[in-house]
Amino acid sequence: MFLLGGVEEEYVQPNTVAALREVKNLQRGEQGTFDNPPRQEVPDEVVKRTLPFMSPTVAAMVKLQRLTGMRPSEIYRMTAGDIDQTRDPELWYYTPKSHKTERYIGEKPIPLGTPEQELVAPYLAGKTAEQSVFSPRRAMEEWYIERRANRQRVKKPASNVGEFYDVNSYRKAVENAIRKGNKTLPDEQKIPHWTPYQLRHAAVTAAEKAFGLDKAQALAGHRTANVTKRYAHGQLAIAESMARNRRNPFADEPAETQQT
């Protein structure tokens, strides 16, 4: 289907499509191939031990992703205008946009309950619709303020810091927090390596254990090409119910953080 669309838009030559149809599928275990191991979820206990070494901005991103099961890109590309606060008196709705077209891509909106709203609200104040919710510029300012409060001599944040995180800078922010923590923690308390991708798996795994596979799929937004509109509405209803009753596993975390 995608290749035919590429032919129609003149991105792909018709003979390329014909040639690809003749390529045989690889078989499991075929010589010269390998299967990547399935990505494992990161335990909440490991995330909790990492949070104190993050800036408030990155900590909020991590918590929001773990609560909602969003993809990393849906976290770092979130803008203030993507969030509808008027649709429901209890829920906000975040509708991700396509990376390439910057248009809404037809996926169902992600309902945000009270725990998610509390994380997002401080980052919406005074922002235009196009501005990022979680900006690395703000994270750098938090880092600078924290260092000055501790009477450390530091340079002001660089003026060329971008407005948005990307897949690499978000991952590196998490890795920096782990590295910072492990510099001071004793060997038996070292934080194992983990990435933002594992937060999505953690959210889906927790939902499956608590509510079953169907509700976990609704949380993750899993789709198939032939999914019906009726089923999509059903998934949204499930996700809304989960958002209204969601428990924040990080609610007892201390407010102060050691920023990165």
C-alpha atoms as a PDB file:
ATOM      1  CA  MET A   1       0.000   0.000   0.000  1.00  0.00           C
ATOM      2  CA  PHE A   2       2.769   2.428   0.930  1.00  0.00           C
ATOM      3  CA  LEU A   3       4.775   1.566  -2.174  1.00  0.00           C
ATOM      4  CA  LEU A   4       1.768   2.129  -4.415  1.00  0.00           C
ATOM      5  CA  GLY A   5       1.249   5.486  -2.788  1.00  0.00           C
ATOM      6  CA  GLY A   6       4.890   6.257  -3.519  1.00  0.00           C
ATOM      7  CA  VAL A   7       4.343   5.432  -7.186  1.00  0.00           C
ATOM      8  CA  GLU A   8       1.317   7.700  -7.288  1.00  0.00           C
ATOM      9  CA  GLU A   9       3.329  10.558  -5.783  1.00  0.00           C
ATOM     10  CA  GLU A  10       6.257   9.768  -8.144  1.00  0.00           C
ATOM     11  CA  TYR A  11       8.637   8.934  -5.289  1.00  0.00           C
ATOM     12  CA  VAL A  12       9.009   5.291  -6.366  1.00  0.00           C
ATOM     13  CA  GLN A  13       9.421   3.868  -9.882  1.00  0.00           C
ATOM     14  CA  PRO A  14       6.831   1.211 -10.907  1.00  0.00           C
ATOM     15  CA  ASN A  15       9.578  -1.300 -11.766  1.00  0.00           C
ATOM     16  CA  THR A  16      10.913  -0.976  -8.200  1.00  0.00           C
ATOM     17  CA  VAL A  17       7.571  -2.122  -6.830  1.00  0.00           C
ATOM     18  CA  ALA A  18       7.521  -5.099  -9.199  1.00  0.00           C
ATOM     19  CA  ALA A  19      11.063  -6.094  -8.198  1.00  0.00           C
ATOM     20  CA  LEU A  20      10.338  -5.876  -4.481  1.00  0.00           C
ATOM     21  CA  ARG A  21       7.347  -8.167  -4.870  1.00  0.00           C
ATOM     22  CA  GLU A  22       9.696 -10.923  -6.017  1.00  0.00           C
ATOM     23  CA  VAL A  23      11.896 -10.701  -2.909  1.00  0.00           C
ATOM     24  CA  LYS A  24      11.316 -13.652  -0.577  1.00  0.00           C
ATOM     25  CA  ASN A  25      10.713 -13.091   3.099  1.00  0.00           C
ATOM     26  CA  LEU A  26      13.564 -13.942   5.438  1.00  0.00           C
ATOM     27  CA  GLN A  27      12.982 -16.991   7.603  1.00  0.00           C
ATOM     28  CA  ARG A  28      13.654 -17.079  11.325  1.00  0.00           C
ATOM     29  CA  GLY A  29      17.182 -18.331  11.971  1.00  0.00           C
ATOM     30  CA  GLU A  30      18.291 -17.942   8.356  1.00  0.00           C
ATOM     31  CA  GLN A  31      22.069 -17.789   7.948  1.00  0.00           C
ATOM     32  CA  GLY A  32      23.432 -14.266   8.119  1.00  0.00           C
ATOM     33  CA  THR A  33      20.448 -12.893  10.052  1.00  0.00           C
ATOM     34  CA  PHE A  34      19.740 -12.357  13.726  1.00  0.00           C
ATOM     35  CA  ASP A  35      16.770 -11.392  15.870  1.00  0.00           C
ATOM     36  CA  ASN A  36      17.081  -8.432  18.191  1.00  0.00           C
ATOM     37  CA  PRO A  37      16.142  -9.348  21.765  1.00  0.00           C
ATOM     38  CA  PRO A  38      12.785  -7.916  22.853  1.00  0.00           C
ATOM     39  CA  ARG A  39      13.085  -4.561  24.598  1.00  0.00           C
ATOM     40  CA  GLN A  40      12.545  -4.891  28.346  1.00  0.00           C
ATOM     41  CA  GLU A  41      10.625  -2.456  30.504  1.00  0.00           C
ATOM     42  CA  VAL A  42      12.484  -0.413  33.114  1.00  0.00           C
ATOM     43  CA  PRO A  43      11.269  -1.112  36.678  1.00  0.00           C
ATOM     44  CA  ASP A  44       9.630   1.815  38.483  1.00  0.00           C
ATOM     45  CA  GLU A  45      12.110   1.375  41.319  1.00  0.00           C
ATOM     46  CA  VAL A  46      15.004   2.071  38.928  1.00  0.00           C
ATOM     47  CA  VAL A  47      13.245   5.143  37.529  1.00  0.00           C
ATOM     48  CA  LYS A  48      12.615   6.457  41.052  1.00  0.00           C
ATOM     49  CA  ARG A  49      16.298   6.148  41.893  1.00  0.00           C
ATOM     50  CA  THR A  50      17.219   8.088  38.747  1.00  0.00           C
ATOM     51  CA  LEU A  51      14.761  10.976  39.123  1.00  0.00           C
ATOM     52  CA  PRO A  52      16.674  12.893  41.833  1.00  0.00           C
ATOM     53  CA  PHE A  53      19.576  13.355  39.408  1.00  0.00           C
ATOM     54  CA  MET A  54      17.421  14.875  36.633  1.00  0.00           C
ATOM     55  CA  SER A  55      16.391  18.445  36.008  1.00  0.00           C
ATOM     56  CA  PRO A  56      12.701  19.103  36.824  1.00  0.00           C
ATOM     57  CA  THR A  57      11.933  19.300  33.079  1.00  0.00           C
ATOM     58  CA  VAL A  58      13.443  15.911  32.240  1.00  0.00           C
ATOM     59  CA  ALA A  59      11.934  14.352  35.359  1.00  0.00           C
ATOM     60  CA  ALA A  60       8.485  15.566  34.272  1.00  0.00           C
ATOM     61  CA  MET A  61       9.002  14.094  30.788  1.00  0.00           C
ATOM     62  CA  VAL A  62      10.013  10.740  32.236  1.00  0.00           C
ATOM     63  CA  LYS A  63       7.085  10.613  34.655  1.00  0.00           C
ATOM     64  CA  LEU A  64       4.584  11.607  31.955  1.00  0.00           C
ATOM     65  CA  GLN A  65       5.867   8.980  29.549  1.00  0.00           C
ATOM     66  CA  ARG A  66       5.721   6.265  32.202  1.00  0.00           C
ATOM     67  CA  LEU A  67       2.154   7.229  33.163  1.00  0.00           C
ATOM     68  CA  THR A  68       0.749   7.404  29.642  1.00  0.00           C
ATOM     69  CA  GLY A  69       2.864   4.918  27.688  1.00  0.00           C
ATOM     70  CA  MET A  70       3.627   7.527  25.031  1.00  0.00           C
ATOM     71  CA  ARG A  71       6.408   7.048  22.520  1.00  0.00           C
ATOM     72  CA  PRO A  72       9.488   9.177  23.258  1.00  0.00           C
ATOM     73  CA  SER A  73       8.773  11.325  20.180  1.00  0.00           C
ATOM     74  CA  GLU A  74       5.269  12.057  21.469  1.00  0.00           C
ATOM     75  CA  ILE A  75       6.824  13.449  24.639  1.00  0.00           C
ATOM     76  CA  TYR A  76       9.580  15.620  23.236  1.00  0.00           C
ATOM     77  CA  ARG A  77       7.588  16.961  20.278  1.00  0.00           C
ATOM     78  CA  MET A  78       4.596  18.016  22.389  1.00  0.00           C
ATOM     79  CA  THR A  79       3.590  21.657  21.929  1.00  0.00           C
ATOM     80  CA  ALA A  80       1.240  23.770  24.007  1.00  0.00           C
ATOM     81  CA  GLY A  81      -1.218  23.915  21.110  1.00  0.00           C
ATOM     82  CA  ASP A  82      -1.438  20.127  20.908  1.00  0.00           C
ATOM     83  CA  ILE A  83      -3.272  19.959  24.239  1.00  0.00           C
ATOM     84  CA  ASP A  84      -7.024  20.563  24.401  1.00  0.00           C
ATOM     85  CA  GLN A  85      -8.141  21.552  27.897  1.00  0.00           C
ATOM     86  CA  THR A  86     -11.757  22.354  26.938  1.00  0.00           C
ATOM     87  CA  ARG A  87     -13.146  19.049  25.707  1.00  0.00           C
ATOM     88  CA  ASP A  88     -13.877  17.421  29.072  1.00  0.00           C
ATOM     89  CA  PRO A  89     -14.104  18.878  32.599  1.00  0.00           C
ATOM     90  CA  GLU A  90     -11.850  16.118  33.982  1.00  0.00           C
ATOM     91  CA  LEU A  91      -9.522  15.211  31.115  1.00  0.00           C
ATOM     92  CA  TRP A  92      -7.142  17.033  28.811  1.00  0.00           C
ATOM     93  CA  TYR A  93      -6.454  15.601  25.365  1.00  0.00           C
ATOM     94  CA  TYR A  94      -3.085  15.578  23.651  1.00  0.00           C
ATOM     95  CA  THR A  95      -3.115  14.837  19.918  1.00  0.00           C
ATOM     96  CA  PRO A  96       0.378  14.159  18.494  1.00  0.00           C
ATOM     97  CA  LYS A  97       1.318  15.509  15.084  1.00  0.00           C
ATOM     98  CA  SER A  98       3.255  13.910  12.266  1.00  0.00           C
ATOM     99  CA  HIS A  99       6.983  14.651  12.371  1.00  0.00           C
ATOM    100  CA  LYS A 100       7.241  15.201   8.621  1.00  0.00           C
ATOM    101  CA  THR A 101       4.050  17.095   7.854  1.00  0.00           C
ATOM    102  CA  GLU A 102       3.398  18.820  11.188  1.00  0.00           C
ATOM    103  CA  ARG A 103      -0.245  17.881  10.700  1.00  0.00           C
ATOM    104  CA  TYR A 104      -2.405  15.765  12.951  1.00  0.00           C
ATOM    105  CA  ILE A 105      -2.054  12.196  11.753  1.00  0.00           C
ATOM    106  CA  GLY A 106      -5.422  10.719  12.641  1.00  0.00           C
ATOM    107  CA  GLU A 107      -4.379   8.794  15.723  1.00  0.00           C
ATOM    108  CA  LYS A 108      -6.778   9.062  18.611  1.00  0.00           C
ATOM    109  CA  PRO A 109      -5.921  11.769  21.160  1.00  0.00           C
ATOM    110  CA  ILE A 110      -4.185  10.723  24.356  1.00  0.00           C
ATOM    111  CA  PRO A 111      -6.316  11.529  27.424  1.00  0.00           C
ATOM    112  CA  LEU A 112      -4.440  13.100  30.323  1.00  0.00           C
ATOM    113  CA  GLY A 113      -5.841  12.589  33.808  1.00  0.00           C
ATOM    114  CA  THR A 114      -5.106  14.520  36.992  1.00  0.00           C
ATOM    115  CA  PRO A 115      -1.554  13.155  37.559  1.00  0.00           C
ATOM    116  CA  GLU A 116      -0.558  14.007  33.965  1.00  0.00           C
ATOM    117  CA  GLN A 117      -2.167  17.454  34.133  1.00  0.00           C
ATOM    118  CA  GLU A 118      -0.214  18.251  37.281  1.00  0.00           C
ATOM    119  CA  LEU A 119       3.008  17.377  35.454  1.00  0.00           C
ATOM    120  CA  VAL A 120       2.194  19.348  32.298  1.00  0.00           C
ATOM    121  CA  ALA A 121       0.478  22.458  33.694  1.00  0.00           C
ATOM    122  CA  PRO A 122       3.622  24.246  34.981  1.00  0.00           C
ATOM    123  CA  TYR A 123       5.141  23.976  31.504  1.00  0.00           C
ATOM    124  CA  LEU A 124       2.192  25.519  29.664  1.00  0.00           C
ATOM    125  CA  ALA A 125       2.107  28.888  31.381  1.00  0.00           C
ATOM    126  CA  GLY A 126       2.785  31.809  29.041  1.00  0.00           C
ATOM    127  CA  LYS A 127       3.528  29.672  25.987  1.00  0.00           C
ATOM    128  CA  THR A 128       2.219  30.087  22.472  1.00  0.00           C
ATOM    129  CA  ALA A 129       0.628  27.163  20.629  1.00  0.00           C
ATOM    130  CA  GLU A 130       3.832  26.464  18.669  1.00  0.00           C
ATOM    131  CA  GLN A 131       6.206  26.355  21.627  1.00  0.00           C
ATOM    132  CA  SER A 132       7.391  23.066  23.101  1.00  0.00           C
ATOM    133  CA  VAL A 133       5.968  21.952  26.419  1.00  0.00           C
ATOM    134  CA  PHE A 134       9.284  20.488  27.571  1.00  0.00           C
ATOM    135  CA  SER A 135      12.100  22.691  26.347  1.00  0.00           C
ATOM    136  CA  PRO A 136      15.824  21.979  26.781  1.00  0.00           C
ATOM    137  CA  ARG A 137      16.243  25.740  27.185  1.00  0.00           C
ATOM    138  CA  ARG A 138      14.221  25.608  30.379  1.00  0.00           C
ATOM    139  CA  ALA A 139      16.139  22.550  31.556  1.00  0.00           C
ATOM    140  CA  MET A 140      19.401  24.463  31.079  1.00  0.00           C
ATOM    141  CA  GLU A 141      18.004  27.408  33.026  1.00  0.00           C
ATOM    142  CA  GLU A 142      17.026  25.040  35.846  1.00  0.00           C
ATOM    143  CA  TRP A 143      20.549  23.643  35.833  1.00  0.00           C
ATOM    144  CA  TYR A 144      22.034  27.153  36.002  1.00  0.00           C
ATOM    145  CA  ILE A 145      19.761  28.270  38.843  1.00  0.00           C
ATOM    146  CA  GLU A 146      20.518  25.144  40.850  1.00  0.00           C
ATOM    147  CA  ARG A 147      24.278  25.600  40.460  1.00  0.00           C
ATOM    148  CA  ARG A 148      24.101  29.261  41.476  1.00  0.00           C
ATOM    149  CA  ALA A 149      21.988  28.348  44.499  1.00  0.00           C
ATOM    150  CA  ASN A 150      24.778  25.985  45.547  1.00  0.00           C
ATOM    151  CA  ARG A 151      27.292  28.814  45.071  1.00  0.00           C
ATOM    152  CA  GLN A 152      29.007  27.058  42.194  1.00  0.00           C
ATOM    153  CA  ARG A 153      30.761  29.098  39.516  1.00  0.00           C
ATOM    154  CA  VAL A 154      29.103  28.305  36.197  1.00  0.00           C
ATOM    155  CA  LYS A 155      28.647  30.005  32.862  1.00  0.00           C
ATOM    156  CA  LYS A 156      25.223  31.121  31.754  1.00  0.00           C
ATOM    157  CA  PRO A 157      23.410  28.631  29.500  1.00  0.00           C
ATOM    158  CA  ALA A 158      24.340  28.830  25.825  1.00  0.00           C
ATOM    159  CA  SER A 159      21.958  30.940  23.754  1.00  0.00           C
ATOM    160  CA  ASN A 160      21.851  28.405  20.919  1.00  0.00           C
ATOM    161  CA  VAL A 161      20.098  25.657  22.892  1.00  0.00           C
ATOM    162  CA  GLY A 162      17.147  24.410  20.841  1.00  0.00           C
ATOM    163  CA  GLU A 163      13.466  24.755  21.597  1.00  0.00           C
ATOM    164  CA  PHE A 164      12.784  21.020  21.308  1.00  0.00           C
ATOM    165  CA  TYR A 165      14.435  17.871  22.530  1.00  0.00           C
ATOM    166  CA  ASP A 166      15.001  15.131  19.954  1.00  0.00           C
ATOM    167  CA  VAL A 167      15.496  11.395  20.183  1.00  0.00           C
ATOM    168  CA  ASN A 168      19.193  11.774  20.996  1.00  0.00           C
ATOM    169  CA  SER A 169      19.075  14.699  23.434  1.00  0.00           C
ATOM    170  CA  TYR A 170      16.211  13.151  25.425  1.00  0.00           C
ATOM    171  CA  ARG A 171      18.062   9.841  25.669  1.00  0.00           C
ATOM    172  CA  LYS A 172      21.299  11.610  26.618  1.00  0.00           C
ATOM    173  CA  ALA A 173      19.521  13.574  29.347  1.00  0.00           C
ATOM    174  CA  VAL A 174      18.469  10.273  30.921  1.00  0.00           C
ATOM    175  CA  GLU A 175      21.943   8.791  30.468  1.00  0.00           C
ATOM    176  CA  ASN A 176      23.543  11.868  32.057  1.00  0.00           C
ATOM    177  CA  ALA A 177      21.303  11.499  35.102  1.00  0.00           C
ATOM    178  CA  ILE A 178      22.277   7.836  35.459  1.00  0.00           C
ATOM    179  CA  ARG A 179      25.946   8.708  35.070  1.00  0.00           C
ATOM    180  CA  LYS A 180      25.684  11.512  37.617  1.00  0.00           C
ATOM    181  CA  GLY A 181      23.966   9.286  40.136  1.00  0.00           C
ATOM    182  CA  ASN A 182      26.460   6.480  39.739  1.00  0.00           C
ATOM    183  CA  LYS A 183      29.346   8.840  40.502  1.00  0.00           C
ATOM    184  CA  THR A 184      28.104   9.225  44.067  1.00  0.00           C
ATOM    185  CA  LEU A 185      26.125   6.057  44.789  1.00  0.00           C
ATOM    186  CA  PRO A 186      27.778   3.018  46.413  1.00  0.00           C
ATOM    187  CA  ASP A 187      28.277  -0.058  44.266  1.00  0.00           C
ATOM    188  CA  GLU A 188      25.220  -1.873  45.615  1.00  0.00           C
ATOM    189  CA  GLN A 189      23.006   1.103  44.692  1.00  0.00           C
ATOM    190  CA  LYS A 190      24.324   1.824  41.187  1.00  0.00           C
ATOM    191  CA  ILE A 191      21.589   2.660  38.671  1.00  0.00           C
ATOM    192  CA  PRO A 192      21.459   0.247  35.708  1.00  0.00           C
ATOM    193  CA  HIS A 193      21.372   1.670  32.205  1.00  0.00           C
ATOM    194  CA  TRP A 194      17.925   2.349  30.745  1.00  0.00           C
ATOM    195  CA  THR A 195      16.413   4.470  27.968  1.00  0.00           C
ATOM    196  CA  PRO A 196      13.159   6.379  27.389  1.00  0.00           C
ATOM    197  CA  TYR A 197      11.944   3.630  25.055  1.00  0.00           C
ATOM    198  CA  GLN A 198      11.724   1.313  28.046  1.00  0.00           C
ATOM    199  CA  LEU A 199       9.288   3.638  29.804  1.00  0.00           C
ATOM    200  CA  ARG A 200       6.634   2.904  27.183  1.00  0.00           C
ATOM    201  CA  HIS A 201       7.126  -0.817  27.710  1.00  0.00           C
ATOM    202  CA  ALA A 202       6.900  -0.318  31.475  1.00  0.00           C
ATOM    203  CA  ALA A 203       3.567   1.490  31.137  1.00  0.00           C
ATOM    204  CA  VAL A 204       2.095  -1.131  28.809  1.00  0.00           C
ATOM    205  CA  THR A 205       3.339  -4.018  30.983  1.00  0.00           C
ATOM    206  CA  ALA A 206       1.848  -2.435  34.117  1.00  0.00           C
ATOM    207  CA  ALA A 207      -1.475  -1.877  32.337  1.00  0.00           C
ATOM    208  CA  GLU A 208      -1.572  -5.465  31.095  1.00  0.00           C
ATOM    209  CA  LYS A 209      -0.911  -6.842  34.570  1.00  0.00           C
ATOM    210  CA  ALA A 210      -3.529  -4.601  36.168  1.00  0.00           C
ATOM    211  CA  PHE A 211      -6.272  -4.482  33.515  1.00  0.00           C
ATOM    212  CA  GLY A 212      -5.590  -7.100  30.842  1.00  0.00           C
ATOM    213  CA  LEU A 213      -4.231  -7.163  27.302  1.00  0.00           C
ATOM    214  CA  ASP A 214      -7.079  -5.253  25.635  1.00  0.00           C
ATOM    215  CA  LYS A 215      -6.707  -2.269  27.926  1.00  0.00           C
ATOM    216  CA  ALA A 216      -2.933  -2.360  27.589  1.00  0.00           C
ATOM    217  CA  GLN A 217      -3.372  -2.162  23.801  1.00  0.00           C
ATOM    218  CA  ALA A 218      -5.714   0.792  24.236  1.00  0.00           C
ATOM    219  CA  LEU A 219      -3.102   2.551  26.352  1.00  0.00           C
ATOM    220  CA  ALA A 220      -0.379   1.918  23.789  1.00  0.00           C
ATOM    221  CA  GLY A 221      -2.578   2.965  20.860  1.00  0.00           C
ATOM    222  CA  HIS A 222      -1.726  -0.179  18.878  1.00  0.00           C
ATOM    223  CA  ARG A 223      -3.401  -0.124  15.502  1.00  0.00           C
ATOM    224  CA  THR A 224      -3.756  -2.361  12.467  1.00  0.00           C
ATOM    225  CA  ALA A 225      -4.375  -1.235   8.904  1.00  0.00           C
ATOM    226  CA  ASN A 226      -7.944  -2.585   8.900  1.00  0.00           C
ATOM    227  CA  VAL A 227      -9.014  -1.364  12.338  1.00  0.00           C
ATOM    228  CA  THR A 228     -12.583  -0.061  12.274  1.00  0.00           C
ATOM    229  CA  LYS A 229     -13.654   3.357  13.426  1.00  0.00           C
ATOM    230  CA  ARG A 230     -15.938   1.749  15.969  1.00  0.00           C
ATOM    231  CA  TYR A 231     -13.040  -0.152  17.506  1.00  0.00           C
ATOM    232  CA  ALA A 232     -10.936   3.022  17.596  1.00  0.00           C
ATOM    233  CA  HIS A 233     -13.674   4.771  19.567  1.00  0.00           C
ATOM    234  CA  GLY A 234     -13.781   1.790  21.905  1.00  0.00           C
ATOM    235  CA  GLN A 235     -10.046   2.049  22.529  1.00  0.00           C
ATOM    236  CA  LEU A 236     -10.357   5.759  23.317  1.00  0.00           C
ATOM    237  CA  ALA A 237     -13.134   5.063  25.829  1.00  0.00           C
ATOM    238  CA  ILE A 238     -10.906   2.545  27.584  1.00  0.00           C
ATOM    239  CA  ALA A 239      -7.958   4.963  27.603  1.00  0.00           C
ATOM    240  CA  GLU A 240     -10.215   7.699  29.024  1.00  0.00           C
ATOM    241  CA  SER A 241     -11.382   5.422  31.842  1.00  0.00           C
ATOM    242  CA  MET A 242      -7.791   4.518  32.663  1.00  0.00           C
ATOM    243  CA  ALA A 243      -6.747   8.185  32.665  1.00  0.00           C
ATOM    244  CA  ARG A 244      -9.533   9.117  35.066  1.00  0.00           C
ATOM    245  CA  ASN A 245      -8.399   6.458  37.541  1.00  0.00           C
ATOM    246  CA  ARG A 246      -4.649   6.450  36.979  1.00  0.00           C
ATOM    247  CA  ARG A 247      -2.334   6.204  39.977  1.00  0.00           C
ATOM    248  CA  ASN A 248       0.974   8.021  39.894  1.00  0.00           C
ATOM    249  CA  PRO A 249       3.759   5.606  40.956  1.00  0.00           C
ATOM    250  CA  PHE A 250       6.024   8.599  41.570  1.00  0.00           C
ATOM    251  CA  ALA A 251       3.609  10.598  43.748  1.00  0.00           C
ATOM    252  CA  ASP A 252       5.758  10.120  46.832  1.00  0.00           C
ATOM    253  CA  GLU A 253       8.928  11.395  45.154  1.00  0.00           C
ATOM    254  CA  PRO A 254      10.571  14.368  46.940  1.00  0.00           C
ATOM    255  CA  ALA A 255      10.088  17.722  45.273  1.00  0.00           C
ATOM    256  CA  GLU A 256      13.809  18.622  45.235  1.00  0.00           C
ATOM    257  CA  THR A 257      15.982  17.217  42.477  1.00  0.00           C
ATOM    258  CA  GLN A 258      19.679  17.250  41.723  1.00  0.00           C
ATOM    259  CA  GLN A 259      19.542  18.683  38.254  1.00  0.00           C
ATOM    260  CA  THR A 260      21.365  17.639  35.103  1.00  0.00           C
END
